[in-house]
N, C-alpha and C. Protein backbone atom coordinates (compact mmCIF):
# COMPACT_ATOMS: atom_id res chain seq x y z
N MET A 1 -93.64 154.88 114.35
CA MET A 1 -93.90 156.11 115.11
C MET A 1 -92.86 157.19 114.78
N GLN A 2 -91.62 156.78 114.55
CA GLN A 2 -90.57 157.75 114.23
C GLN A 2 -90.89 158.49 112.95
N ASP A 3 -91.46 157.80 111.98
CA ASP A 3 -91.86 158.41 110.71
C ASP A 3 -92.91 159.49 110.95
N ILE A 4 -93.86 159.21 111.83
CA ILE A 4 -94.93 160.17 112.15
C ILE A 4 -94.34 161.39 112.86
N LEU A 5 -93.42 161.17 113.77
CA LEU A 5 -92.77 162.29 114.47
C LEU A 5 -92.00 163.17 113.49
N GLU A 6 -91.33 162.56 112.53
CA GLU A 6 -90.60 163.33 111.51
C GLU A 6 -91.56 164.20 110.69
N LYS A 7 -92.70 163.62 110.31
CA LYS A 7 -93.69 164.38 109.56
C LYS A 7 -94.25 165.52 110.40
N ALA A 8 -94.54 165.25 111.66
CA ALA A 8 -95.08 166.27 112.56
C ALA A 8 -94.07 167.40 112.80
N LYS A 9 -92.81 167.05 112.81
CA LYS A 9 -91.74 168.03 113.03
C LYS A 9 -91.74 169.11 111.93
N ASN A 10 -92.15 168.74 110.73
CA ASN A 10 -92.13 169.67 109.59
C ASN A 10 -93.39 170.52 109.46
N ILE A 11 -94.35 170.32 110.34
CA ILE A 11 -95.63 171.03 110.22
C ILE A 11 -95.48 172.51 110.60
N GLU A 12 -95.93 173.36 109.69
CA GLU A 12 -95.92 174.82 109.91
C GLU A 12 -97.34 175.40 109.97
N LEU A 13 -98.33 174.57 109.60
CA LEU A 13 -99.73 175.00 109.62
C LEU A 13 -100.60 173.81 110.00
N VAL A 14 -101.46 174.02 111.00
CA VAL A 14 -102.44 173.01 111.38
C VAL A 14 -103.82 173.55 111.04
N ILE A 15 -104.57 172.79 110.25
CA ILE A 15 -105.92 173.17 109.86
C ILE A 15 -106.89 172.30 110.64
N PHE A 16 -107.86 172.94 111.26
CA PHE A 16 -108.86 172.23 112.05
C PHE A 16 -110.25 172.39 111.45
N ASP A 17 -111.03 171.33 111.55
CA ASP A 17 -112.46 171.40 111.36
C ASP A 17 -113.04 171.92 112.69
N ILE A 18 -114.28 172.35 112.68
CA ILE A 18 -114.91 172.81 113.92
C ILE A 18 -115.79 171.73 114.54
N ASP A 19 -116.92 171.44 113.91
CA ASP A 19 -117.88 170.50 114.50
C ASP A 19 -117.33 169.09 114.52
N GLY A 20 -117.20 168.54 115.72
CA GLY A 20 -116.66 167.20 115.90
C GLY A 20 -115.17 167.19 116.17
N VAL A 21 -114.49 168.32 115.99
CA VAL A 21 -113.05 168.43 116.27
C VAL A 21 -112.83 169.45 117.39
N MET A 22 -113.18 170.71 117.14
CA MET A 22 -113.07 171.72 118.20
C MET A 22 -114.27 171.67 119.14
N THR A 23 -115.34 171.03 118.70
CA THR A 23 -116.50 170.79 119.56
C THR A 23 -116.78 169.29 119.54
N ASP A 24 -117.71 168.86 120.37
CA ASP A 24 -118.05 167.43 120.40
C ASP A 24 -119.00 167.04 119.26
N GLY A 25 -119.31 167.98 118.41
CA GLY A 25 -120.18 167.72 117.27
C GLY A 25 -121.64 168.03 117.53
N GLY A 26 -121.99 168.27 118.78
CA GLY A 26 -123.37 168.62 119.10
C GLY A 26 -123.72 170.00 118.56
N LEU A 27 -124.92 170.13 118.02
CA LEU A 27 -125.40 171.42 117.53
C LEU A 27 -126.60 171.81 118.38
N PHE A 28 -126.52 172.95 119.03
CA PHE A 28 -127.58 173.40 119.91
C PHE A 28 -128.20 174.67 119.34
N PHE A 29 -129.53 174.68 119.24
CA PHE A 29 -130.26 175.83 118.72
C PHE A 29 -131.35 176.22 119.70
N ASP A 30 -131.54 177.54 119.89
CA ASP A 30 -132.67 177.97 120.71
C ASP A 30 -133.90 178.15 119.82
N ASN A 31 -135.01 178.58 120.40
CA ASN A 31 -136.27 178.73 119.66
C ASN A 31 -136.19 179.77 118.56
N ASN A 32 -135.21 180.66 118.62
CA ASN A 32 -135.04 181.68 117.58
C ASN A 32 -134.09 181.22 116.48
N GLY A 33 -133.56 180.03 116.62
CA GLY A 33 -132.63 179.51 115.62
C GLY A 33 -131.19 179.90 115.87
N ASP A 34 -130.93 180.56 117.01
CA ASP A 34 -129.55 180.93 117.35
C ASP A 34 -128.79 179.67 117.77
N GLU A 35 -127.56 179.58 117.30
CA GLU A 35 -126.73 178.40 117.51
C GLU A 35 -125.79 178.59 118.69
N TYR A 36 -125.56 177.50 119.41
CA TYR A 36 -124.63 177.49 120.53
C TYR A 36 -123.67 176.32 120.36
N LYS A 37 -122.42 176.53 120.73
CA LYS A 37 -121.41 175.48 120.68
C LYS A 37 -120.58 175.58 121.95
N ALA A 38 -120.08 174.46 122.40
CA ALA A 38 -119.19 174.44 123.56
C ALA A 38 -117.76 174.14 123.08
N PHE A 39 -116.85 175.02 123.42
CA PHE A 39 -115.44 174.84 123.10
C PHE A 39 -114.69 174.50 124.38
N ASN A 40 -113.66 173.69 124.28
CA ASN A 40 -112.86 173.27 125.41
C ASN A 40 -111.75 174.28 125.66
N SER A 41 -111.65 174.76 126.90
CA SER A 41 -110.64 175.78 127.20
C SER A 41 -109.21 175.23 127.12
N LEU A 42 -109.02 173.94 127.41
CA LEU A 42 -107.69 173.34 127.26
C LEU A 42 -107.27 173.36 125.79
N ASP A 43 -108.22 173.07 124.91
CA ASP A 43 -107.95 173.13 123.48
C ASP A 43 -107.55 174.55 123.08
N GLY A 44 -108.29 175.52 123.59
CA GLY A 44 -108.00 176.92 123.26
C GLY A 44 -106.60 177.32 123.66
N HIS A 45 -106.18 176.91 124.84
CA HIS A 45 -104.82 177.27 125.26
C HIS A 45 -103.78 176.52 124.43
N GLY A 46 -104.08 175.31 124.04
CA GLY A 46 -103.18 174.58 123.15
C GLY A 46 -102.97 175.33 121.84
N LEU A 47 -104.05 175.90 121.30
CA LEU A 47 -103.95 176.68 120.06
C LEU A 47 -103.08 177.92 120.27
N ARG A 48 -103.22 178.55 121.43
CA ARG A 48 -102.38 179.71 121.74
C ARG A 48 -100.90 179.30 121.82
N MET A 49 -100.63 178.20 122.51
CA MET A 49 -99.24 177.74 122.64
C MET A 49 -98.64 177.42 121.27
N LEU A 50 -99.41 176.77 120.44
CA LEU A 50 -98.94 176.42 119.09
C LEU A 50 -98.55 177.67 118.33
N GLN A 51 -99.42 178.68 118.36
CA GLN A 51 -99.16 179.92 117.65
C GLN A 51 -97.98 180.68 118.26
N GLU A 52 -97.87 180.68 119.57
CA GLU A 52 -96.74 181.35 120.22
C GLU A 52 -95.41 180.71 119.84
N CYS A 53 -95.45 179.44 119.47
CA CYS A 53 -94.23 178.73 119.05
C CYS A 53 -94.02 178.82 117.54
N GLY A 54 -94.81 179.63 116.85
CA GLY A 54 -94.59 179.90 115.44
C GLY A 54 -95.34 179.02 114.46
N VAL A 55 -96.22 178.16 114.94
CA VAL A 55 -97.00 177.31 114.05
C VAL A 55 -98.33 178.01 113.77
N LYS A 56 -98.65 178.14 112.50
CA LYS A 56 -99.91 178.78 112.11
C LYS A 56 -101.09 177.85 112.35
N VAL A 57 -102.25 178.45 112.62
CA VAL A 57 -103.49 177.71 112.84
C VAL A 57 -104.54 178.26 111.89
N ALA A 58 -105.29 177.34 111.28
CA ALA A 58 -106.39 177.72 110.39
C ALA A 58 -107.60 176.85 110.67
N VAL A 59 -108.74 177.32 110.20
CA VAL A 59 -110.00 176.58 110.33
C VAL A 59 -110.67 176.53 108.97
N ILE A 60 -111.13 175.35 108.60
CA ILE A 60 -112.00 175.19 107.43
C ILE A 60 -113.22 174.44 107.92
N THR A 61 -114.39 175.05 107.79
CA THR A 61 -115.61 174.43 108.28
C THR A 61 -116.75 174.58 107.28
N GLY A 62 -117.62 173.60 107.29
CA GLY A 62 -118.74 173.61 106.36
C GLY A 62 -119.85 174.56 106.77
N ARG A 63 -119.93 174.86 108.03
CA ARG A 63 -121.00 175.73 108.53
C ARG A 63 -120.52 177.18 108.61
N GLN A 64 -121.47 178.10 108.62
CA GLN A 64 -121.18 179.53 108.76
C GLN A 64 -121.71 179.96 110.13
N SER A 65 -120.87 180.56 110.96
CA SER A 65 -121.29 180.89 112.32
C SER A 65 -120.54 182.12 112.85
N GLU A 66 -121.29 183.08 113.34
CA GLU A 66 -120.68 184.23 114.00
C GLU A 66 -119.99 183.79 115.29
N LEU A 67 -120.54 182.77 115.91
CA LEU A 67 -119.97 182.22 117.13
C LEU A 67 -118.55 181.72 116.89
N VAL A 68 -118.35 180.99 115.80
CA VAL A 68 -117.02 180.48 115.45
C VAL A 68 -116.09 181.65 115.13
N LYS A 69 -116.59 182.62 114.40
CA LYS A 69 -115.79 183.81 114.07
C LYS A 69 -115.32 184.50 115.35
N HIS A 70 -116.21 184.63 116.31
CA HIS A 70 -115.87 185.27 117.58
C HIS A 70 -114.82 184.45 118.35
N ARG A 71 -115.03 183.14 118.44
CA ARG A 71 -114.08 182.29 119.17
C ARG A 71 -112.70 182.30 118.53
N MET A 72 -112.65 182.23 117.21
CA MET A 72 -111.35 182.23 116.53
C MET A 72 -110.65 183.57 116.70
N LYS A 73 -111.40 184.66 116.66
CA LYS A 73 -110.81 185.98 116.89
C LYS A 73 -110.21 186.04 118.30
N ASP A 74 -110.94 185.50 119.26
CA ASP A 74 -110.48 185.46 120.65
C ASP A 74 -109.18 184.68 120.78
N LEU A 75 -109.01 183.64 119.96
CA LEU A 75 -107.81 182.80 120.01
C LEU A 75 -106.70 183.28 119.08
N GLY A 76 -106.94 184.36 118.35
CA GLY A 76 -105.93 184.89 117.44
C GLY A 76 -105.81 184.12 116.14
N VAL A 77 -106.85 183.37 115.78
CA VAL A 77 -106.85 182.59 114.54
C VAL A 77 -107.52 183.43 113.45
N SER A 78 -106.72 183.93 112.53
CA SER A 78 -107.25 184.79 111.47
C SER A 78 -107.51 184.04 110.17
N LEU A 79 -106.94 182.85 110.04
CA LEU A 79 -107.13 182.04 108.83
C LEU A 79 -108.39 181.21 109.00
N LEU A 80 -109.53 181.81 108.70
CA LEU A 80 -110.83 181.21 108.95
C LEU A 80 -111.63 181.14 107.65
N TYR A 81 -111.96 179.92 107.28
CA TYR A 81 -112.74 179.66 106.06
C TYR A 81 -114.03 178.97 106.48
N GLN A 82 -115.15 179.68 106.42
CA GLN A 82 -116.44 179.14 106.84
C GLN A 82 -117.38 178.99 105.64
N GLY A 83 -118.33 178.08 105.79
CA GLY A 83 -119.36 177.91 104.78
C GLY A 83 -118.92 177.09 103.58
N TYR A 84 -117.93 176.25 103.75
CA TYR A 84 -117.41 175.42 102.66
C TYR A 84 -117.84 173.97 102.85
N ARG A 85 -118.98 173.61 102.27
CA ARG A 85 -119.40 172.19 102.33
C ARG A 85 -118.37 171.34 101.58
N ASP A 86 -117.90 171.83 100.45
CA ASP A 86 -116.77 171.24 99.75
C ASP A 86 -115.55 172.01 100.23
N LYS A 87 -114.75 171.39 101.05
CA LYS A 87 -113.64 172.08 101.71
C LYS A 87 -112.40 172.23 100.84
N LEU A 88 -112.33 171.51 99.75
CA LEU A 88 -111.14 171.52 98.91
C LEU A 88 -110.81 172.91 98.34
N PRO A 89 -111.77 173.68 97.82
CA PRO A 89 -111.43 175.03 97.33
C PRO A 89 -110.85 175.92 98.43
N ALA A 90 -111.38 175.81 99.64
CA ALA A 90 -110.84 176.60 100.75
C ALA A 90 -109.41 176.17 101.07
N PHE A 91 -109.16 174.86 101.04
CA PHE A 91 -107.83 174.33 101.30
C PHE A 91 -106.82 174.85 100.27
N GLU A 92 -107.20 174.82 99.00
CA GLU A 92 -106.31 175.29 97.95
C GLU A 92 -106.04 176.79 98.07
N ALA A 93 -107.07 177.56 98.41
CA ALA A 93 -106.89 179.01 98.61
C ALA A 93 -105.99 179.27 99.81
N LEU A 94 -106.17 178.50 100.87
CA LEU A 94 -105.36 178.66 102.07
C LEU A 94 -103.89 178.36 101.79
N LEU A 95 -103.61 177.28 101.06
CA LEU A 95 -102.21 176.96 100.73
C LEU A 95 -101.55 178.11 99.98
N LYS A 96 -102.28 178.73 99.07
CA LYS A 96 -101.73 179.88 98.33
C LYS A 96 -101.51 181.06 99.27
N GLU A 97 -102.46 181.29 100.16
CA GLU A 97 -102.36 182.43 101.08
C GLU A 97 -101.14 182.33 101.99
N VAL A 98 -100.87 181.14 102.51
CA VAL A 98 -99.75 180.98 103.45
C VAL A 98 -98.45 180.56 102.77
N ASN A 99 -98.53 180.22 101.49
CA ASN A 99 -97.35 179.84 100.71
C ASN A 99 -96.56 178.70 101.36
N LEU A 100 -97.29 177.62 101.67
CA LEU A 100 -96.66 176.43 102.24
C LEU A 100 -96.95 175.22 101.36
N SER A 101 -96.08 174.22 101.45
CA SER A 101 -96.29 172.98 100.70
C SER A 101 -97.19 172.06 101.53
N LYS A 102 -97.72 171.05 100.89
CA LYS A 102 -98.58 170.08 101.59
C LYS A 102 -97.81 169.31 102.66
N GLN A 103 -96.50 169.20 102.53
CA GLN A 103 -95.68 168.51 103.52
C GLN A 103 -95.54 169.33 104.80
N GLN A 104 -95.86 170.61 104.74
CA GLN A 104 -95.77 171.49 105.91
C GLN A 104 -97.12 171.70 106.58
N VAL A 105 -98.13 170.97 106.12
CA VAL A 105 -99.50 171.19 106.58
C VAL A 105 -100.10 169.89 107.08
N THR A 106 -100.87 169.98 108.15
CA THR A 106 -101.70 168.86 108.58
C THR A 106 -103.13 169.35 108.73
N TYR A 107 -104.04 168.40 108.65
CA TYR A 107 -105.46 168.69 108.79
C TYR A 107 -106.02 167.74 109.84
N VAL A 108 -106.89 168.27 110.70
CA VAL A 108 -107.52 167.48 111.76
C VAL A 108 -109.01 167.39 111.46
N GLY A 109 -109.48 166.17 111.24
CA GLY A 109 -110.88 165.98 110.88
C GLY A 109 -111.53 164.85 111.64
N ASP A 110 -112.84 164.72 111.39
CA ASP A 110 -113.61 163.68 112.08
C ASP A 110 -114.61 162.96 111.19
N ASP A 111 -114.91 163.51 110.00
CA ASP A 111 -115.96 162.91 109.18
C ASP A 111 -115.50 162.81 107.73
N VAL A 112 -116.28 162.09 106.95
CA VAL A 112 -115.89 161.79 105.56
C VAL A 112 -115.72 163.05 104.71
N VAL A 113 -116.40 164.14 105.06
CA VAL A 113 -116.24 165.39 104.29
C VAL A 113 -114.83 165.96 104.44
N ASP A 114 -114.07 165.48 105.41
CA ASP A 114 -112.70 165.93 105.62
C ASP A 114 -111.68 165.14 104.79
N LEU A 115 -112.10 164.01 104.26
CA LEU A 115 -111.17 163.13 103.53
C LEU A 115 -110.58 163.72 102.26
N PRO A 116 -111.30 164.54 101.49
CA PRO A 116 -110.65 165.11 100.30
C PRO A 116 -109.38 165.90 100.61
N ILE A 117 -109.35 166.55 101.77
CA ILE A 117 -108.13 167.25 102.19
C ILE A 117 -107.15 166.26 102.82
N MET A 118 -107.62 165.47 103.75
CA MET A 118 -106.75 164.55 104.48
C MET A 118 -106.00 163.62 103.54
N SER A 119 -106.66 163.18 102.48
CA SER A 119 -106.04 162.22 101.56
C SER A 119 -104.92 162.82 100.72
N GLN A 120 -104.78 164.14 100.72
CA GLN A 120 -103.71 164.81 99.96
C GLN A 120 -102.46 165.06 100.78
N LEU A 121 -102.54 164.79 102.07
CA LEU A 121 -101.45 165.17 102.97
C LEU A 121 -100.61 163.98 103.41
N ASP A 122 -99.34 164.24 103.69
CA ASP A 122 -98.43 163.22 104.22
C ASP A 122 -98.71 162.93 105.68
N PHE A 123 -99.38 163.88 106.35
CA PHE A 123 -99.66 163.74 107.78
C PHE A 123 -101.05 164.29 108.06
N ALA A 124 -102.03 163.39 108.15
CA ALA A 124 -103.41 163.76 108.44
C ALA A 124 -103.80 163.17 109.79
N ILE A 125 -104.63 163.90 110.50
CA ILE A 125 -104.99 163.52 111.87
C ILE A 125 -106.50 163.37 111.99
N ALA A 126 -106.92 162.32 112.69
CA ALA A 126 -108.33 162.13 113.04
C ALA A 126 -108.46 162.18 114.56
N VAL A 127 -109.60 162.70 115.01
CA VAL A 127 -109.87 162.70 116.45
C VAL A 127 -110.37 161.31 116.85
N GLN A 128 -110.26 161.01 118.13
CA GLN A 128 -110.59 159.68 118.64
C GLN A 128 -112.00 159.22 118.26
N ASN A 129 -112.96 160.13 118.26
CA ASN A 129 -114.34 159.76 117.96
C ASN A 129 -114.71 159.98 116.50
N ALA A 130 -113.72 160.04 115.63
CA ALA A 130 -113.98 160.22 114.20
C ALA A 130 -114.68 158.99 113.64
N HIS A 131 -115.30 159.18 112.50
CA HIS A 131 -115.91 158.07 111.77
C HIS A 131 -114.82 157.02 111.50
N PRO A 132 -115.15 155.73 111.65
CA PRO A 132 -114.13 154.67 111.45
C PRO A 132 -113.41 154.75 110.09
N PHE A 133 -114.11 155.13 109.04
CA PHE A 133 -113.48 155.23 107.72
C PHE A 133 -112.44 156.34 107.69
N VAL A 134 -112.72 157.43 108.38
CA VAL A 134 -111.77 158.55 108.47
C VAL A 134 -110.54 158.10 109.25
N LYS A 135 -110.74 157.38 110.33
CA LYS A 135 -109.63 156.89 111.14
C LYS A 135 -108.72 155.95 110.33
N GLN A 136 -109.31 155.20 109.42
CA GLN A 136 -108.52 154.30 108.56
C GLN A 136 -107.57 155.08 107.66
N HIS A 137 -107.93 156.31 107.35
CA HIS A 137 -107.14 157.11 106.41
C HIS A 137 -106.32 158.20 107.10
N ALA A 138 -106.26 158.16 108.41
CA ALA A 138 -105.46 159.11 109.17
C ALA A 138 -104.09 158.50 109.46
N HIS A 139 -103.10 159.35 109.59
CA HIS A 139 -101.75 158.90 109.96
C HIS A 139 -101.57 158.86 111.47
N TRP A 140 -102.39 159.64 112.18
CA TRP A 140 -102.31 159.68 113.64
C TRP A 140 -103.71 159.97 114.17
N ILE A 141 -104.05 159.36 115.31
CA ILE A 141 -105.36 159.54 115.93
C ILE A 141 -105.14 160.05 117.35
N THR A 142 -105.88 161.09 117.70
CA THR A 142 -105.73 161.68 119.04
C THR A 142 -106.20 160.71 120.12
N GLU A 143 -105.69 160.91 121.32
CA GLU A 143 -106.14 160.10 122.47
C GLU A 143 -107.55 160.51 122.89
N ARG A 144 -107.82 161.81 122.83
CA ARG A 144 -109.11 162.32 123.29
C ARG A 144 -110.04 162.62 122.12
N SER A 145 -111.29 162.75 122.43
CA SER A 145 -112.34 163.01 121.42
C SER A 145 -112.44 164.49 121.10
N GLY A 146 -113.10 164.76 119.97
CA GLY A 146 -113.35 166.14 119.57
C GLY A 146 -114.15 166.88 120.63
N GLY A 147 -113.73 168.10 120.93
CA GLY A 147 -114.39 168.91 121.94
C GLY A 147 -114.03 168.51 123.36
N ARG A 148 -113.21 167.49 123.50
CA ARG A 148 -112.85 166.95 124.82
C ARG A 148 -111.34 166.83 125.00
N GLY A 149 -110.60 167.69 124.30
CA GLY A 149 -109.15 167.69 124.45
C GLY A 149 -108.37 167.22 123.24
N ALA A 150 -109.05 166.83 122.17
CA ALA A 150 -108.36 166.36 120.97
C ALA A 150 -107.47 167.44 120.36
N VAL A 151 -107.94 168.67 120.35
CA VAL A 151 -107.15 169.77 119.79
C VAL A 151 -105.88 169.95 120.61
N ARG A 152 -105.98 169.87 121.91
CA ARG A 152 -104.80 169.99 122.77
C ARG A 152 -103.82 168.85 122.49
N ASP A 153 -104.36 167.62 122.28
CA ASP A 153 -103.50 166.48 121.92
C ASP A 153 -102.68 166.81 120.67
N VAL A 154 -103.33 167.37 119.67
CA VAL A 154 -102.66 167.72 118.41
C VAL A 154 -101.59 168.77 118.65
N CYS A 155 -101.95 169.82 119.36
CA CYS A 155 -101.00 170.91 119.61
C CYS A 155 -99.76 170.41 120.34
N GLU A 156 -99.97 169.64 121.38
CA GLU A 156 -98.83 169.15 122.16
C GLU A 156 -98.01 168.12 121.38
N PHE A 157 -98.66 167.30 120.56
CA PHE A 157 -97.92 166.32 119.76
C PHE A 157 -96.98 167.03 118.77
N ILE A 158 -97.48 168.07 118.13
CA ILE A 158 -96.65 168.80 117.16
C ILE A 158 -95.53 169.55 117.88
N LEU A 159 -95.84 170.17 119.00
CA LEU A 159 -94.79 170.87 119.76
C LEU A 159 -93.74 169.88 120.26
N GLU A 160 -94.16 168.69 120.69
CA GLU A 160 -93.22 167.66 121.13
C GLU A 160 -92.33 167.22 119.97
N ALA A 161 -92.92 167.00 118.80
CA ALA A 161 -92.15 166.57 117.63
C ALA A 161 -91.11 167.62 117.25
N LYS A 162 -91.44 168.88 117.46
CA LYS A 162 -90.52 169.98 117.14
C LYS A 162 -89.52 170.24 118.26
N GLY A 163 -89.64 169.52 119.36
CA GLY A 163 -88.74 169.71 120.49
C GLY A 163 -89.03 170.96 121.28
N LEU A 164 -90.26 171.47 121.24
CA LEU A 164 -90.62 172.73 121.88
C LEU A 164 -91.53 172.58 123.10
N LEU A 165 -92.15 171.43 123.26
CA LEU A 165 -93.18 171.28 124.29
C LEU A 165 -92.64 171.43 125.70
N ASN A 166 -91.55 170.76 126.02
CA ASN A 166 -91.01 170.80 127.38
C ASN A 166 -90.69 172.24 127.81
N ASP A 167 -89.99 172.97 126.95
CA ASP A 167 -89.65 174.36 127.28
C ASP A 167 -90.91 175.21 127.41
N LYS A 168 -91.89 174.99 126.52
CA LYS A 168 -93.11 175.79 126.57
C LYS A 168 -93.85 175.53 127.89
N LEU A 169 -93.99 174.26 128.27
CA LEU A 169 -94.69 173.96 129.52
C LEU A 169 -93.95 174.51 130.73
N HIS A 170 -92.64 174.36 130.73
CA HIS A 170 -91.85 174.86 131.85
C HIS A 170 -91.82 176.39 131.93
N SER A 171 -92.08 177.04 130.83
CA SER A 171 -92.10 178.52 130.85
C SER A 171 -93.20 179.04 131.78
N TYR A 172 -94.22 178.25 132.01
CA TYR A 172 -95.30 178.69 132.90
C TYR A 172 -94.88 178.68 134.35
N LEU A 173 -93.89 177.88 134.70
CA LEU A 173 -93.38 177.87 136.08
C LEU A 173 -92.66 179.16 136.41
N HIS A 174 -92.09 179.79 135.41
CA HIS A 174 -91.34 181.02 135.62
C HIS A 174 -92.25 182.24 135.68
N ASN A 175 -93.50 182.06 135.31
CA ASN A 175 -94.44 183.17 135.32
C ASN A 175 -95.23 183.26 136.62
N ILE A 176 -94.93 182.36 137.56
CA ILE A 176 -95.69 182.34 138.82
C ILE A 176 -95.12 183.36 139.77
């Protein structure tokens, strides 16, 4: 566990998948083909806390959605790569954009399409309800499932590893 904490301590960028990680993986469409997704508000605040503590957040997703664009804008996430069924080109472009090494980056995934990125990293994360093969190749697995608090688990784990979580949580007591 100490090895995992050391790796998490060095993380400067967390990359998330959307479907199955930021959502429970359910895809909802109305009769007009408009898509709906449910995002967890605890996850959203975790992303805000992570960014406020200086850790960058990015998204790489295979689907293209205005809904995701809107939600990420609301959360202040500008590093958004949508429509990448093969996520590796987006990952490589993102690394160049942020000028970070693979040791400073983690990826949170749930399905086999996430493995090409996860397998390149020293610290890869799977959500609790990830495919069993993905979980076998993750360095850490969240307590909660995608769309049900897994993102918050990741945010707080990284902040804890960096020694920032306690102060961040206690800062809310002073704002009352």
